[in-house]
C-alpha atoms as a PDB file:
ATOM      1  CA  MET A   1     -43.210   4.083  11.252  1.00  0.00           C
ATOM      2  CA  GLY A   2     -41.338   1.585   9.367  1.00  0.00           C
ATOM      3  CA  MET A   3     -39.141   1.552   6.305  1.00  0.00           C
ATOM      4  CA  VAL A   4     -41.124   1.941   3.287  1.00  0.00           C
ATOM      5  CA  LYS A   5     -40.003  -0.044   0.196  1.00  0.00           C
ATOM      6  CA  ALA A   6     -39.044   2.145  -3.200  1.00  0.00           C
ATOM      7  CA  GLU A   7     -42.009   0.671  -5.173  1.00  0.00           C
ATOM      8  CA  GLU A   8     -44.585   1.782  -2.571  1.00  0.00           C
ATOM      9  CA  LEU A   9     -43.038   5.307  -3.160  1.00  0.00           C
ATOM     10  CA  SER A  10     -43.644   5.766  -6.505  1.00  0.00           C
ATOM     11  CA  LEU A  11     -46.668   7.181  -8.074  1.00  0.00           C
ATOM     12  CA  GLU A  12     -46.171   4.853 -11.042  1.00  0.00           C
ATOM     13  CA  SER A  13     -46.986   1.631  -8.710  1.00  0.00           C
ATOM     14  CA  VAL A  14     -50.552   3.042  -8.628  1.00  0.00           C
ATOM     15  CA  LYS A  15     -51.128   2.501 -12.433  1.00  0.00           C
ATOM     16  CA  GLY A  16     -54.767   3.074 -13.738  1.00  0.00           C
ATOM     17  CA  LYS A  17     -55.364   5.225 -10.808  1.00  0.00           C
ATOM     18  CA  VAL A  18     -55.876   8.940 -11.420  1.00  0.00           C
ATOM     19  CA  TYR A  19     -53.784  11.315  -9.754  1.00  0.00           C
ATOM     20  CA  THR A  20     -54.981  13.691  -7.755  1.00  0.00           C
ATOM     21  CA  LEU A  21     -53.462  16.308  -5.432  1.00  0.00           C
ATOM     22  CA  ASP A  22     -54.255  14.431  -2.589  1.00  0.00           C
ATOM     23  CA  SER A  23     -52.943  11.152  -3.993  1.00  0.00           C
ATOM     24  CA  VAL A  24     -49.588  13.145  -4.842  1.00  0.00           C
ATOM     25  CA  ARG A  25     -49.381  15.170  -1.424  1.00  0.00           C
ATOM     26  CA  GLU A  26     -49.671  11.519   0.455  1.00  0.00           C
ATOM     27  CA  ALA A  27     -46.974   9.917  -1.766  1.00  0.00           C
ATOM     28  CA  LEU A  28     -44.614  12.846  -1.128  1.00  0.00           C
ATOM     29  CA  ILE A  29     -45.332  12.896   2.463  1.00  0.00           C
ATOM     30  CA  ARG A  30     -44.430   9.365   2.665  1.00  0.00           C
ATOM     31  CA  GLN A  31     -41.395   9.912   0.799  1.00  0.00           C
ATOM     32  CA  GLU A  32     -40.425  12.591   3.101  1.00  0.00           C
ATOM     33  CA  ASP A  33     -41.123  10.557   6.367  1.00  0.00           C
ATOM     34  CA  THR A  34     -38.910   7.622   4.882  1.00  0.00           C
ATOM     35  CA  ILE A  35     -36.033  10.333   4.212  1.00  0.00           C
ATOM     36  CA  VAL A  36     -36.234  11.811   7.455  1.00  0.00           C
ATOM     37  CA  PHE A  37     -36.334   8.306   9.356  1.00  0.00           C
ATOM     38  CA  GLY A  38     -33.231   7.474   7.254  1.00  0.00           C
ATOM     39  CA  LEU A  39     -31.302  10.758   8.598  1.00  0.00           C
ATOM     40  CA  ILE A  40     -32.320  10.226  11.995  1.00  0.00           C
ATOM     41  CA  GLU A  41     -30.903   6.763  11.748  1.00  0.00           C
ATOM     42  CA  ARG A  42     -27.706   7.855  10.293  1.00  0.00           C
ATOM     43  CA  ALA A  43     -27.445  10.464  13.021  1.00  0.00           C
ATOM     44  CA  LYS A  44     -27.051   7.831  15.377  1.00  0.00           C
ATOM     45  CA  PHE A  45     -23.581   6.852  14.022  1.00  0.00           C
ATOM     46  CA  LEU A  46     -20.375   9.160  15.080  1.00  0.00           C
ATOM     47  CA  MET A  47     -18.173  10.373  12.235  1.00  0.00           C
ATOM     48  CA  ASN A  48     -15.918   7.875  11.293  1.00  0.00           C
ATOM     49  CA  SER A  49     -12.749   9.840  11.431  1.00  0.00           C
ATOM     50  CA  ARG A  50     -10.530   7.292   9.850  1.00  0.00           C
ATOM     51  CA  THR A  51     -12.503   7.481   6.914  1.00  0.00           C
ATOM     52  CA  TYR A  52     -12.897  11.389   6.734  1.00  0.00           C
ATOM     53  CA  GLY A  53      -9.787  12.499   8.410  1.00  0.00           C
ATOM     54  CA  ARG A  54      -6.474  12.984   6.902  1.00  0.00           C
ATOM     55  CA  GLU A  55      -5.019   9.609   7.193  1.00  0.00           C
ATOM     56  CA  GLU A  56      -1.655   8.770   5.670  1.00  0.00           C
ATOM     57  CA  ILE A  57      -2.159   6.904   2.161  1.00  0.00           C
ATOM     58  CA  PRO A  58       0.934   6.323   0.333  1.00  0.00           C
ATOM     59  CA  GLY A  59       1.186   8.827  -2.642  1.00  0.00           C
ATOM     60  CA  PHE A  60      -2.018  10.468  -1.784  1.00  0.00           C
ATOM     61  CA  ALA A  61      -2.470  13.476   0.589  1.00  0.00           C
ATOM     62  CA  GLY A  62      -6.124  13.569   1.813  1.00  0.00           C
ATOM     63  CA  SER A  63      -8.699  11.398   3.506  1.00  0.00           C
ATOM     64  CA  LEU A  64      -9.802   7.884   2.439  1.00  0.00           C
ATOM     65  CA  ALA A  65     -13.321   9.502   1.389  1.00  0.00           C
ATOM     66  CA  GLU A  66     -11.602  11.826  -1.203  1.00  0.00           C
ATOM     67  CA  PHE A  67      -8.975   8.878  -2.075  1.00  0.00           C
ATOM     68  CA  VAL A  68     -11.950   6.618  -3.261  1.00  0.00           C
ATOM     69  CA  VAL A  69     -13.779   9.490  -4.855  1.00  0.00           C
ATOM     70  CA  LYS A  70     -10.635  10.580  -7.053  1.00  0.00           C
ATOM     71  CA  ASN A  71      -9.892   7.094  -7.916  1.00  0.00           C
ATOM     72  CA  THR A  72     -13.645   5.944  -8.823  1.00  0.00           C
ATOM     73  CA  GLU A  73     -13.475   9.239 -11.132  1.00  0.00           C
ATOM     74  CA  ALA A  74     -10.229   8.197 -12.703  1.00  0.00           C
ATOM     75  CA  VAL A  75     -11.488   4.556 -13.303  1.00  0.00           C
ATOM     76  CA  GLN A  76     -14.807   5.739 -14.784  1.00  0.00           C
ATOM     77  CA  ALA A  77     -13.117   8.202 -17.140  1.00  0.00           C
ATOM     78  CA  LYS A  78     -10.546   5.608 -18.333  1.00  0.00           C
ATOM     79  CA  VAL A  79     -13.569   3.217 -18.977  1.00  0.00           C
ATOM     80  CA  SER A  80     -15.745   5.752 -20.830  1.00  0.00           C
ATOM     81  CA  SER A  81     -12.845   6.625 -23.168  1.00  0.00           C
ATOM     82  CA  LEU A  82     -12.443   2.823 -24.123  1.00  0.00           C
ATOM     83  CA  GLY A  83     -16.370   3.346 -25.281  1.00  0.00           C
ATOM     84  CA  PHE A  84     -18.006   1.098 -22.676  1.00  0.00           C
END
């Protein structure tokens, strides 16, 4: 099964159509298939230890992923405090 575009997954894309239990079930099955397919594809790649391992980042004790999350949260907090 190939990748399904997001607009094909949305029940709103069938405007004018009466929603039935069968149509909702079919849409949910397609969405589930797409999610499972994506997980299977992602499982082909080994964990990137440089990203999730405890690497030396000057001034920070943690992984690169933790560093990015923590600094993203800090930037978002600063922006929201400015009223954007």
